[in-house]
Amino acid sequence: MNDAVFSYSTTVLVLGAGPAGMAAAVAAAGLASSVILVDENCYPGGQIWRGGTKRWHDERLHALWKRLSACKNVRIIQSARVIAAPDKQTLLLETSAGAQLVHWEKLILCSGARELLLPFPGWTLPGVTGAGGLQAMIKGGMDVRGKRVVVAGTGPLLLAVAESVLNAGGNVIGILEHRGTRQLAGFSWQLLNKFKAKWRQSLQLLWALKSVRYRHNATVLAADGEDRLRSVSIRHAGHQLNLKCDLLACAYGLIPNLELASLLGCKTSDGRVIVDARQATSRPKVWAAGEATGIGGVDKALAEGRIAGLAAVGAAPSHSEFAARSEALQFADLLARYFAPASALRAVCTPDTLVCRCEDVYARQLSEFKDWRTAKLMTRAGMGACQGRICGAACQFLYDWQAPELRQPVFPATTSTLAALSAACKKDEKE
């Protein structure tokens, strides 16, 4: 093995330092001799709690980070990306310090989720982002003061992102909710009856956004502009409008990140990792928690993370922890029932819409094929930098295709990291 490749061993390896990963690491640290927490971001907190300790406003996170920082047997590796699995219980990481190998006895997968980006004319223009993407950039210090912002799509995230824009000095000229008034009223009624705390949170958000025009039954048809976004064409209640803006943030939901689950050989179904009552996956000695097991938000991630962490070290989760997870799962089901992307959104993607932005493949080209594999072979769709993570998910929605298959390396890597992978594989073959 190349001496330049760092190598570690740990009792419990946690992948992902979002709410689920942090909760899992704290829970496991009580009995494990060593815990390594790996995350690809430079700060802990995941996508929901981005920006580092100075930007955190959730007291739960500060309390969790305080407990995690006090665990002397926990090592945190930031800015590290999992590239491959040289053997069954070893992962190859790429970090700023070079390639690193981590040997583990137990593993907890908390890989989180990413935004579902649905193509429409002009969606690749500078100034058009995912709603969560814009929120993340604001948390990272992006200046939106004085910018005219449209927030569009479906779901409660629209309100949270709009509030973030206002708090950062931006001008939200409109929130465009794809769902109709009757559906939103039904969702609100369910919140009032079953999740009163969340219902009160939604009222607080609406009050904070009282100066913003909130349109129901509104759909983005196109983003307009030549060098960058200048305006947005929308359909609202049967009428077509044009809104001048500088930024457009679209939210059509989240999808679990399953690359690492596939790499580890964990069973997945319906776009999520399958787990049992104690968060164990189909692979022995591997547990999963958070958005990887299904989209559900912070409460679900925290509850599942703690259960997974305790189960991984042989401890029994309490009744209250199972109860917290059960309530969080009920809320997740409610979100999925009311805010899953409507099939009508497929029509927004016209034949001349760019679908694979990495390889410049248009909808009219893809519509000729019956599956992802054929389309990839004939058009190079999914062969660019994102490796099908964006266009692959879009094609699942647009054409009902299966997701692209995973191949190692999981992410683009440097030649030195690939050399370390080759050396590790050769050593494994000899042994």
Protein backbone atom coordinates (compact mmCIF):
# COMPACT_ATOMS: atom_id res chain seq x y z
CA MET A 1 0.00 0.00 0.00
CA ASN A 2 1.21 3.52 -0.77
CA ASP A 3 2.52 5.05 2.45
CA ALA A 4 0.89 8.37 1.50
CA VAL A 5 -2.58 6.89 1.97
CA PHE A 6 -3.82 7.42 5.51
CA SER A 7 -5.65 4.49 7.08
CA TYR A 8 -7.97 4.40 10.09
CA SER A 9 -10.01 1.78 11.91
CA THR A 10 -13.14 2.42 13.93
CA THR A 11 -15.85 0.55 15.78
CA VAL A 12 -18.64 2.68 14.29
CA LEU A 13 -18.45 4.70 11.09
CA VAL A 14 -21.19 7.29 10.51
CA LEU A 15 -21.59 8.68 6.98
CA GLY A 16 -23.15 12.13 6.99
CA ALA A 17 -23.04 14.87 9.63
CA GLY A 18 -26.57 16.17 9.24
CA PRO A 19 -29.19 15.82 12.02
CA ALA A 20 -29.40 12.02 11.65
CA GLY A 21 -25.63 11.50 11.54
CA MET A 22 -24.91 13.76 14.49
CA ALA A 23 -27.65 12.11 16.56
CA ALA A 24 -26.37 8.65 15.60
CA ALA A 25 -22.77 9.52 16.50
CA VAL A 26 -23.75 10.86 19.92
CA ALA A 27 -25.90 7.81 20.66
CA ALA A 28 -23.22 5.32 19.55
CA ALA A 29 -20.43 7.12 21.39
CA GLY A 30 -21.84 6.04 24.73
CA LEU A 31 -20.76 2.41 24.24
CA ALA A 32 -18.47 2.30 21.19
CA SER A 33 -14.73 2.45 21.74
CA SER A 34 -14.38 4.71 18.70
CA VAL A 35 -16.68 6.55 16.31
CA ILE A 36 -15.70 8.29 13.07
CA LEU A 37 -18.16 10.79 11.59
CA VAL A 38 -17.52 11.59 7.91
CA ASP A 39 -19.11 14.43 5.96
CA GLU A 40 -18.40 16.02 2.59
CA ASN A 41 -19.16 19.55 3.80
CA CYS A 42 -16.68 21.76 5.62
CA TYR A 43 -19.14 22.30 8.49
CA PRO A 44 -21.45 19.86 10.30
CA GLY A 45 -25.22 20.24 10.14
CA GLY A 46 -26.06 18.83 6.72
CA GLN A 47 -28.18 20.75 4.23
CA ILE A 48 -30.85 21.78 6.73
CA TRP A 49 -28.39 23.14 9.32
CA ARG A 50 -25.82 24.69 7.02
CA GLY A 51 -23.22 27.38 7.55
CA GLY A 52 -21.41 26.48 10.76
CA THR A 53 -22.10 27.21 14.42
CA LYS A 54 -22.31 30.99 14.01
CA ARG A 55 -25.21 30.64 11.58
CA TRP A 56 -27.21 28.04 13.51
CA HIS A 57 -30.49 29.22 15.03
CA ASP A 58 -31.93 25.87 16.12
CA GLU A 59 -31.25 25.24 19.81
CA ARG A 60 -31.49 21.49 19.22
CA LEU A 61 -28.46 21.68 16.97
CA HIS A 62 -26.39 23.67 19.43
CA ALA A 63 -27.24 21.16 22.17
CA LEU A 64 -26.43 18.23 19.91
CA TRP A 65 -23.14 19.76 18.78
CA LYS A 66 -22.17 20.46 22.40
CA ARG A 67 -22.74 16.81 23.29
CA LEU A 68 -20.90 15.61 20.19
CA SER A 69 -17.93 17.88 20.87
CA ALA A 70 -17.68 16.47 24.39
CA CYS A 71 -17.35 12.88 23.11
CA LYS A 72 -13.61 12.17 23.26
CA ASN A 73 -13.99 8.93 21.31
CA VAL A 74 -15.57 10.63 18.27
CA ARG A 75 -13.42 11.77 15.35
CA ILE A 76 -14.95 14.05 12.73
CA ILE A 77 -13.58 14.07 9.17
CA GLN A 78 -14.96 17.06 7.23
CA SER A 79 -14.70 17.86 3.51
CA ALA A 80 -14.41 14.15 2.75
CA ARG A 81 -16.21 12.29 -0.01
CA VAL A 82 -16.72 8.53 -0.21
CA ILE A 83 -15.31 7.34 -3.54
CA ALA A 84 -15.37 3.54 -3.42
CA ALA A 85 -15.40 0.38 -1.31
CA PRO A 86 -12.14 -1.57 -1.83
CA ASP A 87 -13.50 -4.40 0.32
CA LYS A 88 -16.61 -5.26 2.33
CA GLN A 89 -15.69 -3.23 5.42
CA THR A 90 -13.42 -0.54 4.04
CA LEU A 91 -14.26 2.75 2.37
CA LEU A 92 -11.98 4.98 0.35
CA LEU A 93 -12.34 8.70 1.05
CA GLU A 94 -11.05 11.65 -0.91
CA THR A 95 -10.09 14.60 1.31
CA SER A 96 -8.06 17.78 1.00
CA ALA A 97 -5.21 15.86 2.66
CA GLY A 98 -5.40 13.12 0.03
CA ALA A 99 -6.88 9.63 -0.15
CA GLN A 100 -7.81 7.96 3.13
CA LEU A 101 -9.00 4.44 3.96
CA VAL A 102 -11.45 3.80 6.80
CA HIS A 103 -11.93 0.26 8.11
CA TRP A 104 -15.16 -0.19 10.08
CA GLU A 105 -16.95 -2.78 12.19
CA LYS A 106 -20.40 -1.13 12.18
CA LEU A 107 -21.67 1.52 9.80
CA ILE A 108 -24.57 3.98 10.01
CA LEU A 109 -25.63 5.52 6.71
CA CYS A 110 -27.03 9.06 6.97
CA SER A 111 -26.49 10.25 3.41
CA GLY A 112 -29.41 12.69 3.33
CA ALA A 113 -31.24 13.87 0.23
CA ARG A 114 -30.99 16.23 -2.69
CA GLU A 115 -33.51 18.37 -4.54
CA LEU A 116 -35.63 17.02 -7.34
CA LEU A 117 -35.06 19.43 -10.22
CA LEU A 118 -37.70 19.22 -12.94
CA PRO A 119 -36.75 20.65 -16.35
CA PHE A 120 -38.73 23.47 -17.92
CA PRO A 121 -37.76 25.99 -20.64
CA GLY A 122 -34.99 28.23 -19.32
CA TRP A 123 -34.27 26.26 -16.14
CA THR A 124 -30.52 26.31 -16.88
CA LEU A 125 -30.28 30.12 -17.00
CA PRO A 126 -28.02 31.78 -14.41
CA GLY A 127 -30.31 32.94 -11.61
CA VAL A 128 -32.49 29.80 -11.61
CA THR A 129 -31.83 27.41 -8.71
CA GLY A 130 -33.51 24.84 -6.56
CA ALA A 131 -35.30 26.39 -3.58
CA GLY A 132 -33.14 24.48 -1.14
CA GLY A 133 -30.11 25.46 -3.19
CA LEU A 134 -30.89 29.15 -2.84
CA GLN A 135 -31.49 28.74 0.88
CA ALA A 136 -28.15 26.96 1.24
CA MET A 137 -26.35 29.72 -0.65
CA ILE A 138 -27.94 32.36 1.56
CA LYS A 139 -26.82 30.44 4.65
CA GLY A 140 -23.36 30.31 3.08
CA GLY A 141 -23.25 34.11 2.77
CA MET A 142 -24.76 34.85 -0.65
CA ASP A 143 -25.88 38.48 -0.90
CA VAL A 144 -29.51 38.77 -2.05
CA ARG A 145 -30.15 42.29 -0.75
CA GLY A 146 -32.44 44.12 -3.15
CA LYS A 147 -32.81 41.10 -5.44
CA ARG A 148 -36.26 40.32 -6.81
CA VAL A 149 -36.96 36.68 -6.02
CA VAL A 150 -39.73 34.30 -7.09
CA VAL A 151 -40.13 31.10 -5.07
CA ALA A 152 -42.09 28.40 -6.90
CA GLY A 153 -43.00 24.73 -6.77
CA THR A 154 -44.89 22.89 -4.08
CA GLY A 155 -44.69 22.18 -0.37
CA PRO A 156 -43.91 23.92 2.93
CA LEU A 157 -40.29 24.50 1.86
CA LEU A 158 -41.52 27.40 -0.28
CA LEU A 159 -42.48 29.34 2.83
CA ALA A 160 -39.23 28.59 4.65
CA VAL A 161 -37.13 29.67 1.67
CA ALA A 162 -39.17 32.84 1.16
CA GLU A 163 -38.62 33.74 4.81
CA SER A 164 -34.87 33.16 4.42
CA VAL A 165 -34.83 35.52 1.44
CA LEU A 166 -36.71 38.23 3.34
CA ASN A 167 -34.45 37.88 6.38
CA ALA A 168 -31.42 38.26 4.11
CA GLY A 169 -32.76 41.51 2.62
CA GLY A 170 -34.19 40.08 -0.59
CA ASN A 171 -37.50 41.12 -2.15
CA VAL A 172 -39.85 38.15 -2.59
CA ILE A 173 -42.21 39.26 -5.32
CA GLY A 174 -44.22 36.06 -5.27
CA ILE A 175 -44.66 32.54 -3.90
CA LEU A 176 -46.10 30.20 -6.52
CA GLU A 177 -47.66 27.05 -5.08
CA HIS A 178 -48.56 24.45 -7.71
CA ARG A 179 -51.25 22.84 -5.55
CA GLY A 180 -54.74 24.30 -5.41
CA THR A 181 -56.49 26.04 -2.53
CA ARG A 182 -58.63 23.02 -1.65
CA GLN A 183 -55.58 20.77 -1.30
CA LEU A 184 -53.75 23.33 0.83
CA ALA A 185 -56.79 23.71 3.06
CA GLY A 186 -56.92 19.93 3.49
CA PHE A 187 -53.27 19.87 4.49
CA SER A 188 -53.77 22.71 6.96
CA TRP A 189 -56.74 20.88 8.50
CA GLN A 190 -54.65 17.74 8.96
CA LEU A 191 -51.92 19.78 10.63
CA LEU A 192 -54.42 21.36 13.01
CA ASN A 193 -55.87 17.99 14.01
CA LYS A 194 -52.69 15.91 14.26
CA PHE A 195 -49.63 18.18 14.42
CA LYS A 196 -50.60 21.34 16.30
CA ALA A 197 -47.01 22.47 16.88
CA LYS A 198 -46.30 22.35 13.15
CA TRP A 199 -49.60 24.07 12.44
CA ARG A 200 -48.54 26.93 14.72
CA GLN A 201 -45.16 27.06 12.93
CA SER A 202 -46.93 27.36 9.58
CA LEU A 203 -49.06 30.23 10.89
CA GLN A 204 -45.93 32.02 12.12
CA LEU A 205 -44.34 31.61 8.69
CA LEU A 206 -47.45 32.91 6.93
CA TRP A 207 -47.55 35.89 9.26
CA ALA A 208 -43.87 36.64 8.58
CA LEU A 209 -44.70 36.52 4.86
CA LYS A 210 -47.90 38.57 5.07
CA SER A 211 -46.49 41.19 2.69
CA VAL A 212 -45.74 38.59 -0.03
CA ARG A 213 -48.23 37.58 -2.75
CA TYR A 214 -48.95 33.85 -2.25
CA ARG A 215 -50.57 32.34 -5.34
CA HIS A 216 -52.18 28.88 -5.30
CA ASN A 217 -52.67 26.76 -8.41
CA ALA A 218 -49.67 28.53 -9.98
CA THR A 219 -47.09 26.87 -12.23
CA VAL A 220 -43.83 28.10 -13.72
CA LEU A 221 -43.97 27.67 -17.51
CA ALA A 222 -40.60 29.16 -18.47
CA ALA A 223 -37.67 31.20 -17.24
CA ASP A 224 -36.91 34.01 -19.68
CA GLY A 225 -33.70 35.84 -20.49
CA GLU A 226 -30.63 35.62 -22.72
CA ASP A 227 -27.48 35.87 -20.62
CA ARG A 228 -29.31 35.39 -17.31
CA LEU A 229 -32.78 35.28 -15.78
CA ARG A 230 -34.87 38.37 -16.46
CA SER A 231 -38.45 37.20 -15.90
CA VAL A 232 -40.65 34.17 -15.26
CA SER A 233 -43.68 33.10 -17.29
CA ILE A 234 -46.33 31.51 -15.10
CA ARG A 235 -49.85 30.11 -15.33
CA HIS A 236 -52.10 31.10 -12.46
CA ALA A 237 -55.69 29.96 -12.20
CA GLY A 238 -55.93 29.59 -15.97
CA HIS A 239 -54.24 32.90 -16.83
CA GLN A 240 -50.69 33.42 -18.10
CA LEU A 241 -48.56 36.09 -16.43
CA ASN A 242 -44.99 37.34 -16.59
CA LEU A 243 -43.08 38.35 -13.48
CA LYS A 244 -39.82 40.30 -13.74
CA CYS A 245 -37.23 38.92 -11.32
CA ASP A 246 -33.53 38.36 -10.66
CA LEU A 247 -33.74 34.95 -9.01
CA LEU A 248 -36.09 32.00 -9.33
CA ALA A 249 -36.01 29.23 -6.72
CA CYS A 250 -37.99 26.07 -7.52
CA ALA A 251 -38.94 23.30 -5.09
CA TYR A 252 -40.54 20.06 -6.27
CA GLY A 253 -39.48 17.89 -3.40
CA LEU A 254 -36.45 15.94 -2.24
CA ILE A 255 -35.10 12.53 -3.21
CA PRO A 256 -32.91 10.34 -0.99
CA ASN A 257 -29.23 10.02 -1.85
CA LEU A 258 -28.88 6.30 -2.52
CA GLU A 259 -25.41 6.09 -4.09
CA LEU A 260 -23.72 4.96 -0.87
CA ALA A 261 -26.56 2.56 -0.06
CA SER A 262 -26.03 0.92 -3.46
CA LEU A 263 -22.28 0.88 -2.92
CA LEU A 264 -22.78 -0.95 0.38
CA GLY A 265 -25.29 -3.39 -1.10
CA CYS A 266 -28.29 -2.24 0.96
CA LYS A 267 -31.72 -3.08 -0.37
CA THR A 268 -33.73 -0.12 -1.66
CA SER A 269 -37.33 0.20 -2.79
CA ASP A 270 -39.52 3.12 -3.89
CA GLY A 271 -36.45 5.35 -3.92
CA ARG A 272 -35.37 4.79 -0.30
CA VAL A 273 -33.28 2.48 1.85
CA ILE A 274 -35.30 -0.32 3.45
CA VAL A 275 -34.81 -0.63 7.22
CA ASP A 276 -36.38 -2.59 10.06
CA ALA A 277 -37.73 -1.31 13.38
CA ARG A 278 -34.20 -0.64 14.65
CA GLN A 279 -33.05 1.05 11.45
CA ALA A 280 -31.03 -1.99 10.32
CA THR A 281 -30.63 -2.38 6.55
CA SER A 282 -30.62 -5.63 4.58
CA ARG A 283 -26.85 -5.76 4.92
CA PRO A 284 -25.50 -7.04 8.26
CA LYS A 285 -23.74 -4.45 10.45
CA VAL A 286 -25.17 -1.54 8.44
CA TRP A 287 -27.92 0.78 9.69
CA ALA A 288 -29.52 3.80 7.97
CA ALA A 289 -31.31 6.90 9.25
CA GLY A 290 -32.68 10.22 8.09
CA GLU A 291 -33.73 11.20 4.59
CA ALA A 292 -31.99 8.17 3.07
CA THR A 293 -34.81 6.02 4.46
CA GLY A 294 -37.51 8.39 3.20
CA ILE A 295 -38.09 12.13 3.18
CA GLY A 296 -39.43 13.35 6.52
CA GLY A 297 -37.53 16.33 7.88
CA VAL A 298 -35.48 17.11 10.96
CA ASP A 299 -37.67 15.39 13.57
CA LYS A 300 -37.58 12.10 11.68
CA ALA A 301 -33.83 12.37 11.13
CA LEU A 302 -33.08 13.01 14.80
CA ALA A 303 -35.30 10.16 16.01
CA GLU A 304 -34.01 7.64 13.47
CA GLY A 305 -30.42 8.70 14.00
CA ARG A 306 -30.58 8.08 17.73
CA ILE A 307 -32.30 4.70 17.27
CA ALA A 308 -29.70 3.64 14.70
CA GLY A 309 -26.81 4.77 16.90
CA LEU A 310 -28.08 2.84 19.91
CA ALA A 311 -28.90 -0.26 17.86
CA ALA A 312 -25.44 -0.29 16.29
CA VAL A 313 -23.79 -0.62 19.72
CA GLY A 314 -26.29 -3.13 21.05
CA ALA A 315 -28.30 -0.75 23.25
CA ALA A 316 -32.08 -0.66 23.39
CA PRO A 317 -33.85 2.51 22.24
CA SER A 318 -36.50 3.82 24.64
CA HIS A 319 -40.24 3.92 24.08
CA SER A 320 -40.11 7.71 23.74
CA GLU A 321 -37.59 7.43 20.91
CA PHE A 322 -39.81 5.00 19.00
CA ALA A 323 -42.81 7.27 19.66
CA ALA A 324 -40.95 10.31 18.31
CA ARG A 325 -40.07 8.39 15.17
CA SER A 326 -43.65 7.20 14.72
CA GLU A 327 -45.01 10.76 14.88
CA ALA A 328 -42.33 11.98 12.48
CA LEU A 329 -43.18 9.21 10.02
CA GLN A 330 -46.86 10.16 10.13
CA PHE A 331 -45.93 13.73 9.23
CA ALA A 332 -43.71 12.46 6.40
CA ASP A 333 -46.64 10.46 5.01
CA LEU A 334 -48.83 13.58 5.16
CA LEU A 335 -46.29 15.61 3.18
CA ALA A 336 -45.99 12.89 0.55
CA ARG A 337 -49.77 12.64 0.21
CA TYR A 338 -50.34 16.35 -0.35
CA PHE A 339 -47.15 17.57 -2.04
CA ALA A 340 -45.78 14.85 -4.29
CA PRO A 341 -45.05 16.33 -7.76
CA ALA A 342 -48.21 16.28 -9.84
CA SER A 343 -48.14 14.45 -13.16
CA ALA A 344 -49.33 17.67 -14.85
CA LEU A 345 -45.81 19.07 -14.36
CA ARG A 346 -44.56 16.72 -17.07
CA ALA A 347 -46.26 18.86 -19.70
CA VAL A 348 -44.14 21.86 -18.69
CA CYS A 349 -41.08 20.09 -20.13
CA THR A 350 -41.47 20.89 -23.84
CA PRO A 351 -39.64 18.97 -26.63
CA ASP A 352 -37.07 21.80 -26.87
CA THR A 353 -36.32 21.76 -23.14
CA LEU A 354 -32.79 20.82 -22.14
CA VAL A 355 -32.94 17.81 -19.79
CA CYS A 356 -29.31 16.71 -19.43
CA ARG A 357 -27.47 19.98 -18.95
CA CYS A 358 -24.04 18.32 -18.70
CA GLU A 359 -24.23 16.73 -22.17
CA ASP A 360 -26.75 19.06 -23.86
CA VAL A 361 -29.49 16.47 -24.41
CA TYR A 362 -33.02 17.71 -25.09
CA ALA A 363 -36.41 16.22 -24.26
CA ARG A 364 -37.19 15.55 -27.93
CA GLN A 365 -34.11 13.29 -28.09
CA LEU A 366 -34.92 11.37 -24.91
CA SER A 367 -38.59 10.80 -25.74
CA GLU A 368 -37.56 8.40 -28.50
CA PHE A 369 -36.30 5.79 -26.05
CA LYS A 370 -37.97 3.35 -23.69
CA ASP A 371 -35.44 3.24 -20.86
CA TRP A 372 -32.52 5.05 -19.28
CA ARG A 373 -29.85 2.63 -20.49
CA THR A 374 -30.77 3.00 -24.17
CA ALA A 375 -31.05 6.77 -23.89
CA LYS A 376 -27.65 6.95 -22.22
CA LEU A 377 -26.01 4.84 -24.92
CA MET A 378 -27.52 6.82 -27.77
CA THR A 379 -27.37 10.38 -26.41
CA ARG A 380 -24.74 10.40 -23.61
CA ALA A 381 -27.40 11.57 -21.15
CA GLY A 382 -26.13 11.10 -17.62
CA MET A 383 -22.48 10.82 -18.63
CA GLY A 384 -21.46 14.30 -17.53
CA ALA A 385 -20.16 15.67 -14.26
CA CYS A 386 -23.30 14.89 -12.22
CA GLN A 387 -23.35 11.28 -13.51
CA GLY A 388 -27.12 11.32 -13.93
CA ARG A 389 -27.95 12.55 -10.45
CA ILE A 390 -30.01 15.45 -11.81
CA CYS A 391 -31.22 14.29 -15.22
CA GLY A 392 -31.65 10.69 -14.05
CA ALA A 393 -34.14 11.71 -11.38
CA ALA A 394 -35.87 14.03 -13.85
CA CYS A 395 -36.23 11.19 -16.35
CA GLN A 396 -37.71 8.95 -13.68
CA PHE A 397 -40.44 11.54 -13.22
CA LEU A 398 -40.87 12.43 -16.90
CA TYR A 399 -40.72 8.97 -18.46
CA ASP A 400 -41.09 6.48 -15.57
CA TRP A 401 -37.59 5.16 -16.19
CA GLN A 402 -35.55 3.31 -13.59
CA ALA A 403 -32.72 5.25 -11.96
CA PRO A 404 -29.21 4.99 -13.44
CA GLU A 405 -27.11 2.12 -12.13
CA LEU A 406 -24.18 2.89 -9.85
CA ARG A 407 -20.59 2.30 -10.83
CA GLN A 408 -17.44 2.96 -8.84
CA PRO A 409 -16.00 5.49 -8.30
CA VAL A 410 -19.19 6.92 -6.83
CA PHE A 411 -18.08 10.50 -7.48
CA PRO A 412 -15.48 12.03 -9.80
CA ALA A 413 -12.07 11.63 -8.16
CA THR A 414 -8.46 12.69 -8.67
CA THR A 415 -5.99 10.31 -10.30
CA SER A 416 -4.10 9.99 -7.00
CA THR A 417 -7.28 8.79 -5.26
CA LEU A 418 -7.96 6.33 -8.08
CA ALA A 419 -4.38 5.08 -7.73
CA ALA A 420 -5.05 4.49 -4.03
CA LEU A 421 -8.19 2.56 -4.95
CA SER A 422 -6.24 0.40 -7.39
CA ALA A 423 -3.58 -0.32 -4.75
CA ALA A 424 -6.20 -1.17 -2.12
CA CYS A 425 -8.01 -3.54 -4.47
CA LYS A 426 -4.76 -5.31 -5.40
CA LYS A 427 -3.88 -5.78 -1.75
CA ASP A 428 -7.34 -7.19 -1.06
CA GLU A 429 -6.92 -9.68 -3.93
CA LYS A 430 -3.58 -10.89 -2.51
CA GLU A 431 -5.06 -11.35 0.95
